[in-house]
Protein backbone atom coordinates (compact mmCIF):
# COMPACT_ATOMS: atom_id res chain seq x y z
CA UNK A 1 61.97 -2.19 -33.62
CA UNK A 2 58.45 -2.19 -32.25
CA UNK A 3 55.23 -4.13 -32.61
CA UNK A 4 52.61 -2.19 -34.57
CA UNK A 5 49.52 -2.80 -32.42
CA UNK A 6 47.12 -2.01 -35.27
CA UNK A 7 48.89 -4.49 -37.53
CA UNK A 8 48.71 -7.13 -34.79
CA UNK A 9 44.94 -6.60 -34.63
CA UNK A 10 44.73 -6.91 -38.42
CA UNK A 11 46.58 -10.22 -38.29
CA UNK A 12 44.09 -11.34 -35.63
CA UNK A 13 41.26 -10.61 -38.05
CA UNK A 14 39.91 -7.40 -36.55
CA UNK A 15 38.48 -5.04 -39.18
CA UNK A 16 36.89 -2.12 -37.32
CA UNK A 17 35.10 -4.21 -34.68
CA UNK A 18 34.96 -3.13 -31.06
CA UNK A 19 37.80 -4.78 -29.14
CA UNK A 20 37.51 -6.04 -25.59
CA UNK A 21 39.72 -4.37 -23.00
CA UNK A 22 41.14 -7.74 -21.97
CA UNK A 23 42.28 -8.43 -25.53
CA UNK A 24 43.92 -5.01 -25.80
CA UNK A 25 45.69 -5.59 -22.50
CA UNK A 26 47.03 -8.98 -23.65
CA UNK A 27 48.22 -7.45 -26.92
CA UNK A 28 50.04 -4.70 -25.02
CA UNK A 29 51.66 -7.15 -22.61
CA UNK A 30 52.78 -9.53 -25.35
CA UNK A 31 53.99 -6.72 -27.60
CA UNK A 32 56.07 -5.29 -24.75
CA UNK A 33 57.57 -8.73 -24.05
CA UNK A 34 58.48 -9.21 -27.70
CA UNK A 35 60.02 -5.75 -27.96
CA UNK A 36 62.12 -6.32 -24.84
CA UNK A 37 63.35 -9.83 -25.54
CA UNK A 38 63.57 -10.23 -29.33
CA UNK A 39 66.97 -10.21 -31.03
CA UNK A 40 66.53 -8.68 -34.50
CA UNK A 41 69.23 -9.44 -37.06
CA UNK A 42 69.45 -8.86 -40.78
CA UNK A 43 71.71 -9.16 -43.76
CA UNK A 44 71.34 -7.86 -47.29
CA UNK A 45 73.43 -7.58 -50.42
CA UNK A 46 72.99 -5.84 -53.74
CA UNK A 47 73.43 -7.71 -57.01
CA UNK A 48 73.17 -7.01 -60.69
CA UNK A 49 70.05 -8.53 -62.18
CA UNK A 50 68.82 -9.43 -65.63
CA UNK A 51 65.09 -9.80 -66.22
CA UNK A 52 63.29 -11.62 -69.02
CA UNK A 53 59.62 -12.57 -69.34
CA UNK A 54 59.67 -15.48 -66.87
CA UNK A 55 63.24 -15.51 -65.57
CA UNK A 56 65.33 -13.40 -63.22
CA UNK A 57 69.11 -13.76 -62.99
CA UNK A 58 70.32 -12.37 -59.68
CA UNK A 59 73.82 -12.75 -58.32
CA UNK A 60 74.41 -16.00 -60.17
CA UNK A 61 70.99 -17.28 -59.11
CA UNK A 62 68.43 -18.06 -61.82
CA UNK A 63 64.82 -17.73 -60.64
CA UNK A 64 61.97 -18.91 -62.84
CA UNK A 65 59.01 -16.71 -61.86
CA UNK A 66 56.73 -14.60 -64.01
CA UNK A 67 55.48 -12.67 -60.99
CA UNK A 68 58.99 -11.76 -59.84
CA UNK A 69 60.04 -10.81 -63.36
CA UNK A 70 57.06 -8.42 -63.55
CA UNK A 71 58.03 -6.92 -60.20
CA UNK A 72 61.64 -6.40 -61.33
CA UNK A 73 60.93 -5.34 -64.92
CA UNK A 74 63.41 -2.61 -65.93
CA UNK A 75 65.65 -3.12 -62.88
CA UNK A 76 69.35 -3.67 -63.47
CA UNK A 77 70.14 -3.96 -59.76
CA UNK A 78 68.30 -5.66 -56.90
CA UNK A 79 68.81 -6.29 -53.20
CA UNK A 80 68.45 -9.70 -51.61
CA UNK A 81 67.72 -9.53 -47.88
CA UNK A 82 67.03 -11.78 -44.92
CA UNK A 83 65.84 -10.71 -41.48
CA UNK A 84 64.65 -12.27 -38.24
CA UNK A 85 63.49 -11.15 -34.80
CA UNK A 86 64.97 -14.27 -33.20
CA UNK A 87 63.46 -17.13 -31.22
CA UNK A 88 61.52 -15.26 -28.55
CA UNK A 89 58.19 -15.41 -30.41
CA UNK A 90 58.56 -19.16 -31.01
CA UNK A 91 59.34 -19.78 -27.32
CA UNK A 92 56.29 -17.72 -26.30
CA UNK A 93 54.01 -19.54 -28.76
CA UNK A 94 55.09 -22.93 -27.39
CA UNK A 95 54.61 -21.74 -23.80
CA UNK A 96 51.15 -20.28 -24.31
CA UNK A 97 49.98 -23.14 -26.56
CA UNK A 98 49.99 -25.26 -23.40
CA UNK A 99 48.41 -22.78 -21.00
CA UNK A 100 46.54 -20.08 -22.93
CA UNK A 101 45.44 -20.50 -26.56
CA UNK A 102 44.25 -16.89 -26.81
CA UNK A 103 47.70 -15.60 -25.86
CA UNK A 104 49.34 -18.02 -28.28
CA UNK A 105 47.24 -16.59 -31.11
CA UNK A 106 48.15 -13.06 -30.06
CA UNK A 107 51.86 -13.93 -30.03
CA UNK A 108 51.49 -15.26 -33.59
CA UNK A 109 49.88 -12.00 -34.71
CA UNK A 110 52.17 -9.69 -32.74
CA UNK A 111 55.23 -11.61 -33.93
CA UNK A 112 54.12 -11.23 -37.55
CA UNK A 113 53.62 -7.49 -37.00
CA UNK A 114 57.00 -7.29 -35.29
CA UNK A 115 59.01 -8.88 -38.12
CA UNK A 116 57.17 -6.73 -40.68
CA UNK A 117 58.07 -3.62 -38.69
CA UNK A 118 61.70 -4.70 -38.49
CA UNK A 119 61.94 -5.48 -42.20
CA UNK A 120 60.46 -2.03 -42.87
CA UNK A 121 63.39 -0.58 -40.89
CA UNK A 122 65.91 -2.63 -42.88
CA UNK A 123 64.22 -1.59 -46.12
CA UNK A 124 64.46 2.07 -45.09
CA UNK A 125 68.25 1.69 -44.82
CA UNK A 126 68.25 0.18 -48.33
CA UNK A 127 66.05 3.06 -49.54
CA UNK A 128 68.42 5.72 -48.18
CA UNK A 129 71.44 4.08 -49.78
CA UNK A 130 69.60 3.77 -53.10
CA UNK A 131 68.44 7.40 -52.95
CA UNK A 132 72.05 8.55 -52.57
CA UNK A 133 72.63 7.03 -56.03
CA UNK A 134 69.43 8.32 -57.61
CA UNK A 135 67.66 4.96 -57.37
CA UNK A 136 64.21 4.01 -56.09
CA UNK A 137 62.77 0.84 -54.61
CA UNK A 138 60.23 -1.57 -56.03
CA UNK A 139 57.96 -3.35 -53.53
CA UNK A 140 59.78 -6.18 -51.79
CA UNK A 141 58.88 -9.62 -53.07
CA UNK A 142 59.35 -12.83 -51.06
CA UNK A 143 59.53 -16.53 -51.91
CA UNK A 144 56.02 -17.92 -51.61
CA UNK A 145 54.40 -14.92 -53.32
CA UNK A 146 52.69 -15.90 -56.57
CA UNK A 147 54.85 -18.32 -58.56
CA UNK A 148 58.10 -17.37 -56.74
CA UNK A 149 58.67 -20.85 -55.30
CA UNK A 150 59.80 -21.51 -51.72
CA UNK A 151 62.37 -23.86 -53.26
CA UNK A 152 64.54 -20.80 -53.91
CA UNK A 153 64.98 -20.30 -50.17
CA UNK A 154 67.89 -22.75 -50.31
CA UNK A 155 69.71 -20.65 -52.89
CA UNK A 156 69.02 -17.41 -51.04
CA UNK A 157 70.35 -18.94 -47.82
CA UNK A 158 73.51 -20.04 -49.63
CA UNK A 159 74.11 -16.61 -51.21
CA UNK A 160 73.56 -14.64 -48.00
CA UNK A 161 74.95 -17.29 -45.60
CA UNK A 162 71.83 -16.81 -43.49
CA UNK A 163 72.51 -19.64 -41.05
CA UNK A 164 76.07 -18.51 -40.34
CA UNK A 165 75.45 -14.77 -40.23
CA UNK A 166 72.03 -14.32 -38.62
CA UNK A 167 71.09 -17.76 -37.32
CA UNK A 168 68.15 -18.63 -39.58
CA UNK A 169 67.79 -22.26 -40.66
CA UNK A 170 65.48 -24.02 -43.10
CA UNK A 171 63.18 -26.97 -42.50
CA UNK A 172 62.81 -29.75 -45.07
CA UNK A 173 59.78 -27.87 -46.40
CA UNK A 174 61.85 -24.69 -46.86
CA UNK A 175 60.18 -22.87 -43.97
CA UNK A 176 62.39 -20.64 -41.85
CA UNK A 177 63.29 -21.09 -38.22
CA UNK A 178 62.92 -18.91 -36.21
CA UNK A 179 59.46 -18.66 -37.76
CA UNK A 180 59.31 -14.87 -37.55
CA UNK A 181 61.86 -14.41 -40.30
CA UNK A 182 61.69 -13.00 -43.82
CA UNK A 183 63.64 -13.20 -47.05
CA UNK A 184 62.88 -10.86 -49.93
CA UNK A 185 64.04 -9.35 -53.20
CA UNK A 186 63.85 -5.57 -53.66
CA UNK A 187 64.34 -4.18 -57.15
CA UNK A 188 66.16 -0.88 -57.70
CA UNK A 189 64.96 1.38 -60.48
CA UNK A 190 66.10 4.73 -61.81
CA UNK A 191 62.50 5.73 -62.55
CA UNK A 192 60.62 7.15 -59.58
CA UNK A 193 57.22 6.68 -61.19
CA UNK A 194 57.90 2.94 -61.35
CA UNK A 195 58.78 2.72 -57.68
CA UNK A 196 56.36 2.28 -54.79
CA UNK A 197 56.01 4.84 -52.01
CA UNK A 198 53.34 3.00 -50.01
CA UNK A 199 54.34 1.13 -46.86
CA UNK A 200 51.89 -1.71 -47.53
CA UNK A 201 49.68 -2.77 -50.42
CA UNK A 202 46.69 -2.92 -48.05
CA UNK A 203 46.97 0.85 -47.57
CA UNK A 204 46.89 1.57 -51.30
CA UNK A 205 43.72 2.20 -53.29
CA UNK A 206 45.36 1.21 -56.59
CA UNK A 207 43.95 -2.31 -56.74
CA UNK A 208 45.04 -2.84 -60.36
CA UNK A 209 48.74 -2.22 -59.63
CA UNK A 210 50.90 -4.87 -61.31
CA UNK A 211 53.13 -4.96 -58.23
CA UNK A 212 50.27 -5.48 -55.74
CA UNK A 213 50.77 -8.31 -53.27
CA UNK A 214 47.59 -9.94 -52.01
CA UNK A 215 47.22 -10.18 -48.24
CA UNK A 216 49.87 -7.53 -47.56
């Protein structure tokens, strides 16, 4: 697991601007600290799924979401995953929020890049297992995207035993702690042309893709 420095800059809002040497140095220092001290953990499980126009049935869980049903259209299997890089980023954010707001913002961005990088690694393991069975992956889709409500976090946590197995808990507002954590659904399809080979939607020129996730 590593922090993608370019992604950290993107999260900070840089889009081709010249970057000060001091900022680059802080990013490098914070990224190195995160890489050294974070404790990445993940869990995932594959379930059968049934998809209708606005409903997805997944492992006994019924999810009302048109956006998710579009993402999983044609999939008879799907993977539910949860991942975290641990509490290091949260500790660093609290520390620097008192003494250095610029560093606190960089930790937020670098932590977001770090968990994305780690989830990419977990997804690659899912991809290899799927490929061994002639299956391909749809883009991962998380609670909070479109009309896939955060309320379903509770059900996902129950199914995967997230608190017990990888130490993620939920706030009353269904936000995850540690904050640099992710849950997602990944559809499995037998049709390669319906899968996605791009790492991120932001890298893809196909802006009319029905699976496109804004802000990714």
